[in-house]
Amino acid sequence: MPLPIVHLAAADMLKGLARFSDLERCSSGLPDMVLPEGKRAFLNVLGFDQPTAEGYTSPFGDEARPAVSHLRAGFGVSYIECEVGKGVLMHNHETVETFIGMKGRWRVEWEGATGNQSVDLGPLDFFACPVGVPRRFECLEAGTGDKVGLLLGIVEGNAPAAEFSPSAWKRIEEYQASQAQAG
């Protein structure tokens, strides 16, 4: 049986266009983004719905609005910008998460069978994290002449859930307590 053919007007086709220069940066929406080491911005391209289960977050946070939101592609795509030394705390996904280095160098670290392990990514390097493996990433070097590195994140699912590790929650809670005491 042949696949269905659809002919759309140019205006309908262009609803799927997201120019990098027009993407909005979102620097909030995930619990670890308040931490100095968690400062990053999502430039959400193709989005998904928020997970509905209590205690879970969306992999790109609950505030990063996608430029293309009318399609249910089965995955989400977001650029992630960070300064050197910044990234995300250890977390887990219920779906596959993949990374492509765009600018600079990035480290992806995961909890392995014999302790934490990592791989470094340069421009156009690709790395996929399986379901259930706690992982984090950090910018090691910005792009040449840039203040930030750029990583492309692709997460499977239409409403995937993510959760931070117990050690990540401990760090977030300690930071919030120290900020409350300071003032």
C-alpha atoms as a PDB file:
ATOM      1  CA  MET A   1       0.000   0.000   0.000  1.00  0.00           C
ATOM      2  CA  PRO A   2       1.524   3.367  -0.961  1.00  0.00           C
ATOM      3  CA  LEU A   3       2.110   6.074   1.606  1.00  0.00           C
ATOM      4  CA  PRO A   4      -0.421   8.907   1.558  1.00  0.00           C
ATOM      5  CA  ILE A   5       0.581  12.025  -0.362  1.00  0.00           C
ATOM      6  CA  VAL A   6      -0.307  15.490   0.944  1.00  0.00           C
ATOM      7  CA  HIS A   7       0.107  18.759  -0.956  1.00  0.00           C
ATOM      8  CA  LEU A   8       0.207  21.776   1.355  1.00  0.00           C
ATOM      9  CA  ALA A   9       0.281  25.484   0.657  1.00  0.00           C
ATOM     10  CA  ALA A  10       3.646  27.191   1.207  1.00  0.00           C
ATOM     11  CA  ALA A  11       2.286  28.993   4.291  1.00  0.00           C
ATOM     12  CA  ASP A  12       1.404  25.663   5.889  1.00  0.00           C
ATOM     13  CA  MET A  13       4.802  24.179   5.059  1.00  0.00           C
ATOM     14  CA  LEU A  14       6.611  27.219   6.495  1.00  0.00           C
ATOM     15  CA  LYS A  15       4.956  26.641   9.901  1.00  0.00           C
ATOM     16  CA  GLY A  16       7.705  24.042  10.281  1.00  0.00           C
ATOM     17  CA  LEU A  17      10.527  26.555   9.787  1.00  0.00           C
ATOM     18  CA  ALA A  18      12.565  27.704  12.802  1.00  0.00           C
ATOM     19  CA  ARG A  19      15.434  30.047  12.029  1.00  0.00           C
ATOM     20  CA  PHE A  20      18.174  29.929  14.662  1.00  0.00           C
ATOM     21  CA  SER A  21      18.406  33.731  14.760  1.00  0.00           C
ATOM     22  CA  ASP A  22      14.705  33.945  15.695  1.00  0.00           C
ATOM     23  CA  LEU A  23      14.704  31.335  18.475  1.00  0.00           C
ATOM     24  CA  GLU A  24      13.935  32.567  21.981  1.00  0.00           C
ATOM     25  CA  ARG A  25      16.368  31.727  24.780  1.00  0.00           C
ATOM     26  CA  CYS A  26      14.850  30.283  27.948  1.00  0.00           C
ATOM     27  CA  SER A  27      17.073  30.228  31.049  1.00  0.00           C
ATOM     28  CA  SER A  28      14.513  28.952  33.570  1.00  0.00           C
ATOM     29  CA  GLY A  29      12.033  26.160  34.016  1.00  0.00           C
ATOM     30  CA  LEU A  30      14.146  23.368  35.545  1.00  0.00           C
ATOM     31  CA  PRO A  31      15.061  23.117  39.254  1.00  0.00           C
ATOM     32  CA  ASP A  32      18.848  23.094  38.730  1.00  0.00           C
ATOM     33  CA  MET A  33      18.847  26.228  36.564  1.00  0.00           C
ATOM     34  CA  VAL A  34      19.005  28.382  39.737  1.00  0.00           C
ATOM     35  CA  LEU A  35      22.441  26.950  40.551  1.00  0.00           C
ATOM     36  CA  PRO A  36      25.590  28.750  39.356  1.00  0.00           C
ATOM     37  CA  GLU A  37      26.748  25.554  37.612  1.00  0.00           C
ATOM     38  CA  GLY A  38      23.283  24.973  36.115  1.00  0.00           C
ATOM     39  CA  LYS A  39      23.040  28.230  34.158  1.00  0.00           C
ATOM     40  CA  ARG A  40      22.110  27.449  30.577  1.00  0.00           C
ATOM     41  CA  ALA A  41      19.638  28.500  27.929  1.00  0.00           C
ATOM     42  CA  PHE A  42      17.356  26.328  25.849  1.00  0.00           C
ATOM     43  CA  LEU A  43      16.498  27.437  22.334  1.00  0.00           C
ATOM     44  CA  ASN A  44      13.578  25.076  21.836  1.00  0.00           C
ATOM     45  CA  VAL A  45      12.941  24.185  18.207  1.00  0.00           C
ATOM     46  CA  LEU A  46      10.497  21.272  18.104  1.00  0.00           C
ATOM     47  CA  GLY A  47       8.583  20.733  21.276  1.00  0.00           C
ATOM     48  CA  PHE A  48       6.540  18.240  23.108  1.00  0.00           C
ATOM     49  CA  ASP A  49       3.884  18.322  25.799  1.00  0.00           C
ATOM     50  CA  GLN A  50       4.745  18.525  29.478  1.00  0.00           C
ATOM     51  CA  PRO A  51       4.687  15.206  31.364  1.00  0.00           C
ATOM     52  CA  THR A  52       1.605  14.866  33.526  1.00  0.00           C
ATOM     53  CA  ALA A  53       2.949  12.642  36.324  1.00  0.00           C
ATOM     54  CA  GLU A  54       3.710  14.328  39.663  1.00  0.00           C
ATOM     55  CA  GLY A  55       7.385  15.011  40.392  1.00  0.00           C
ATOM     56  CA  TYR A  56       8.637  14.815  36.800  1.00  0.00           C
ATOM     57  CA  THR A  57       9.849  17.617  34.556  1.00  0.00           C
ATOM     58  CA  SER A  58      10.074  18.023  30.829  1.00  0.00           C
ATOM     59  CA  PRO A  59      13.639  17.478  29.551  1.00  0.00           C
ATOM     60  CA  PHE A  60      13.711  21.076  28.253  1.00  0.00           C
ATOM     61  CA  GLY A  61      11.875  22.513  31.263  1.00  0.00           C
ATOM     62  CA  ASP A  62       8.348  23.764  31.600  1.00  0.00           C
ATOM     63  CA  GLU A  63       9.035  27.271  30.260  1.00  0.00           C
ATOM     64  CA  ALA A  64      10.948  26.678  26.995  1.00  0.00           C
ATOM     65  CA  ARG A  65       8.337  27.193  24.291  1.00  0.00           C
ATOM     66  CA  PRO A  66       9.077  25.498  20.977  1.00  0.00           C
ATOM     67  CA  ALA A  67       9.242  27.471  17.749  1.00  0.00           C
ATOM     68  CA  VAL A  68       7.476  24.568  16.005  1.00  0.00           C
ATOM     69  CA  SER A  69       4.680  23.209  18.182  1.00  0.00           C
ATOM     70  CA  HIS A  70       1.959  22.055  15.791  1.00  0.00           C
ATOM     71  CA  LEU A  71       3.628  18.759  14.830  1.00  0.00           C
ATOM     72  CA  ARG A  72       3.687  15.594  16.927  1.00  0.00           C
ATOM     73  CA  ALA A  73       6.993  14.210  15.669  1.00  0.00           C
ATOM     74  CA  GLY A  74       7.648  11.732  18.477  1.00  0.00           C
ATOM     75  CA  PHE A  75      10.720  13.697  19.610  1.00  0.00           C
ATOM     76  CA  GLY A  76      11.774  17.166  20.722  1.00  0.00           C
ATOM     77  CA  VAL A  77      14.748  19.232  19.567  1.00  0.00           C
ATOM     78  CA  SER A  78      16.441  22.040  21.464  1.00  0.00           C
ATOM     79  CA  TYR A  79      19.729  23.871  21.208  1.00  0.00           C
ATOM     80  CA  ILE A  80      21.451  24.339  24.565  1.00  0.00           C
ATOM     81  CA  GLU A  81      23.848  27.207  25.213  1.00  0.00           C
ATOM     82  CA  CYS A  82      26.225  27.230  28.194  1.00  0.00           C
ATOM     83  CA  GLU A  83      29.300  29.053  29.314  1.00  0.00           C
ATOM     84  CA  VAL A  84      32.342  26.934  30.119  1.00  0.00           C
ATOM     85  CA  GLY A  85      31.870  24.966  33.343  1.00  0.00           C
ATOM     86  CA  LYS A  86      28.069  25.115  33.170  1.00  0.00           C
ATOM     87  CA  GLY A  87      25.616  22.358  32.327  1.00  0.00           C
ATOM     88  CA  VAL A  88      22.983  20.158  33.894  1.00  0.00           C
ATOM     89  CA  LEU A  89      23.059  18.070  37.068  1.00  0.00           C
ATOM     90  CA  MET A  90      22.717  14.277  36.995  1.00  0.00           C
ATOM     91  CA  HIS A  91      19.268  13.285  35.783  1.00  0.00           C
ATOM     92  CA  ASN A  92      17.409  10.461  34.106  1.00  0.00           C
ATOM     93  CA  HIS A  93      14.949  10.148  31.202  1.00  0.00           C
ATOM     94  CA  GLU A  94      12.226   7.666  30.435  1.00  0.00           C
ATOM     95  CA  THR A  95      13.178   7.921  26.748  1.00  0.00           C
ATOM     96  CA  VAL A  96      16.349   8.041  24.653  1.00  0.00           C
ATOM     97  CA  GLU A  97      18.260  11.337  24.765  1.00  0.00           C
ATOM     98  CA  THR A  98      20.835  12.219  22.138  1.00  0.00           C
ATOM     99  CA  PHE A  99      23.407  14.993  21.883  1.00  0.00           C
ATOM    100  CA  ILE A 100      25.228  16.557  18.950  1.00  0.00           C
ATOM    101  CA  GLY A 101      28.072  18.964  19.633  1.00  0.00           C
ATOM    102  CA  MET A 102      27.577  22.103  17.562  1.00  0.00           C
ATOM    103  CA  LYS A 103      30.115  24.639  18.891  1.00  0.00           C
ATOM    104  CA  GLY A 104      32.865  24.118  21.444  1.00  0.00           C
ATOM    105  CA  ARG A 105      33.565  20.937  23.411  1.00  0.00           C
ATOM    106  CA  TRP A 106      31.152  19.154  25.727  1.00  0.00           C
ATOM    107  CA  ARG A 107      31.422  16.375  28.276  1.00  0.00           C
ATOM    108  CA  VAL A 108      28.580  13.891  28.705  1.00  0.00           C
ATOM    109  CA  GLU A 109      28.926  11.943  31.951  1.00  0.00           C
ATOM    110  CA  TRP A 110      26.838   8.986  33.104  1.00  0.00           C
ATOM    111  CA  GLU A 111      26.553   6.638  36.044  1.00  0.00           C
ATOM    112  CA  GLY A 112      28.031   3.367  34.824  1.00  0.00           C
ATOM    113  CA  ALA A 113      28.283  -0.135  36.242  1.00  0.00           C
ATOM    114  CA  THR A 114      31.678   0.682  37.817  1.00  0.00           C
ATOM    115  CA  GLY A 115      31.166   4.371  38.656  1.00  0.00           C
ATOM    116  CA  ASN A 116      30.845   7.533  36.629  1.00  0.00           C
ATOM    117  CA  GLN A 117      32.194   7.526  33.093  1.00  0.00           C
ATOM    118  CA  SER A 118      32.250  10.193  30.393  1.00  0.00           C
ATOM    119  CA  VAL A 119      32.835  11.013  26.758  1.00  0.00           C
ATOM    120  CA  ASP A 120      33.852  14.370  25.271  1.00  0.00           C
ATOM    121  CA  LEU A 121      32.110  15.710  22.163  1.00  0.00           C
ATOM    122  CA  GLY A 122      33.439  18.147  19.611  1.00  0.00           C
ATOM    123  CA  PRO A 123      31.520  19.807  16.788  1.00  0.00           C
ATOM    124  CA  LEU A 124      29.222  17.368  14.971  1.00  0.00           C
ATOM    125  CA  ASP A 125      30.019  14.467  17.336  1.00  0.00           C
ATOM    126  CA  PHE A 126      26.920  12.449  18.274  1.00  0.00           C
ATOM    127  CA  PHE A 127      26.147  10.550  21.472  1.00  0.00           C
ATOM    128  CA  ALA A 128      22.963   8.679  22.504  1.00  0.00           C
ATOM    129  CA  CYS A 129      22.008   7.909  26.118  1.00  0.00           C
ATOM    130  CA  PRO A 130      19.809   4.857  26.671  1.00  0.00           C
ATOM    131  CA  VAL A 131      16.634   4.930  28.729  1.00  0.00           C
ATOM    132  CA  GLY A 132      17.201   4.808  32.485  1.00  0.00           C
ATOM    133  CA  VAL A 133      20.896   5.751  32.573  1.00  0.00           C
ATOM    134  CA  PRO A 134      21.514   8.813  34.799  1.00  0.00           C
ATOM    135  CA  ARG A 135      23.476  11.420  32.838  1.00  0.00           C
ATOM    136  CA  ARG A 136      24.641  15.018  32.813  1.00  0.00           C
ATOM    137  CA  PHE A 137      26.479  17.317  30.431  1.00  0.00           C
ATOM    138  CA  GLU A 138      28.840  20.257  30.809  1.00  0.00           C
ATOM    139  CA  CYS A 139      30.428  22.740  28.429  1.00  0.00           C
ATOM    140  CA  LEU A 140      34.223  22.303  28.415  1.00  0.00           C
ATOM    141  CA  GLU A 141      35.096  24.947  25.794  1.00  0.00           C
ATOM    142  CA  ALA A 142      33.070  27.620  24.022  1.00  0.00           C
ATOM    143  CA  GLY A 143      33.169  27.855  20.272  1.00  0.00           C
ATOM    144  CA  THR A 144      36.056  29.776  18.743  1.00  0.00           C
ATOM    145  CA  GLY A 145      35.451  33.466  19.420  1.00  0.00           C
ATOM    146  CA  ASP A 146      32.249  32.682  21.363  1.00  0.00           C
ATOM    147  CA  LYS A 147      31.368  33.060  25.048  1.00  0.00           C
ATOM    148  CA  VAL A 148      29.161  29.953  25.014  1.00  0.00           C
ATOM    149  CA  GLY A 149      29.203  26.455  23.618  1.00  0.00           C
ATOM    150  CA  LEU A 150      26.251  25.081  21.669  1.00  0.00           C
ATOM    151  CA  LEU A 151      24.865  21.563  22.022  1.00  0.00           C
ATOM    152  CA  LEU A 152      21.886  20.062  20.196  1.00  0.00           C
ATOM    153  CA  GLY A 153      19.645  17.884  22.339  1.00  0.00           C
ATOM    154  CA  ILE A 154      17.095  15.495  20.871  1.00  0.00           C
ATOM    155  CA  VAL A 155      14.731  13.651  23.208  1.00  0.00           C
ATOM    156  CA  GLU A 156      12.375  10.878  22.155  1.00  0.00           C
ATOM    157  CA  GLY A 157       8.662  11.086  22.972  1.00  0.00           C
ATOM    158  CA  ASN A 158       5.669  13.418  22.765  1.00  0.00           C
ATOM    159  CA  ALA A 159       5.537  14.080  26.546  1.00  0.00           C
ATOM    160  CA  PRO A 160       8.723  12.540  27.986  1.00  0.00           C
ATOM    161  CA  ALA A 161       9.483  12.736  31.679  1.00  0.00           C
ATOM    162  CA  ALA A 162      12.814  13.497  33.291  1.00  0.00           C
ATOM    163  CA  GLU A 163      13.829  13.378  36.935  1.00  0.00           C
ATOM    164  CA  PHE A 164      16.854  14.645  38.797  1.00  0.00           C
ATOM    165  CA  SER A 165      18.980  12.211  40.808  1.00  0.00           C
ATOM    166  CA  PRO A 166      18.916  12.256  44.625  1.00  0.00           C
ATOM    167  CA  SER A 167      22.386  13.890  44.654  1.00  0.00           C
ATOM    168  CA  ALA A 168      21.124  16.606  42.300  1.00  0.00           C
ATOM    169  CA  TRP A 169      18.142  17.319  44.559  1.00  0.00           C
ATOM    170  CA  LYS A 170      20.460  17.466  47.569  1.00  0.00           C
ATOM    171  CA  ARG A 171      22.644  20.062  45.789  1.00  0.00           C
ATOM    172  CA  ILE A 172      19.569  22.124  44.794  1.00  0.00           C
ATOM    173  CA  GLU A 173      18.170  22.050  48.344  1.00  0.00           C
ATOM    174  CA  GLU A 174      21.543  22.992  49.908  1.00  0.00           C
ATOM    175  CA  TYR A 175      21.885  25.915  47.498  1.00  0.00           C
ATOM    176  CA  GLN A 176      18.343  27.148  48.182  1.00  0.00           C
ATOM    177  CA  ALA A 177      18.967  26.922  51.960  1.00  0.00           C
ATOM    178  CA  SER A 178      22.232  28.879  51.640  1.00  0.00           C
ATOM    179  CA  GLN A 179      20.460  31.576  49.602  1.00  0.00           C
ATOM    180  CA  ALA A 180      17.669  31.825  52.183  1.00  0.00           C
ATOM    181  CA  GLN A 181      20.245  32.269  54.985  1.00  0.00           C
ATOM    182  CA  ALA A 182      22.163  34.886  52.998  1.00  0.00           C
ATOM    183  CA  GLY A 183      19.289  37.085  52.645  1.00  0.00           C
END
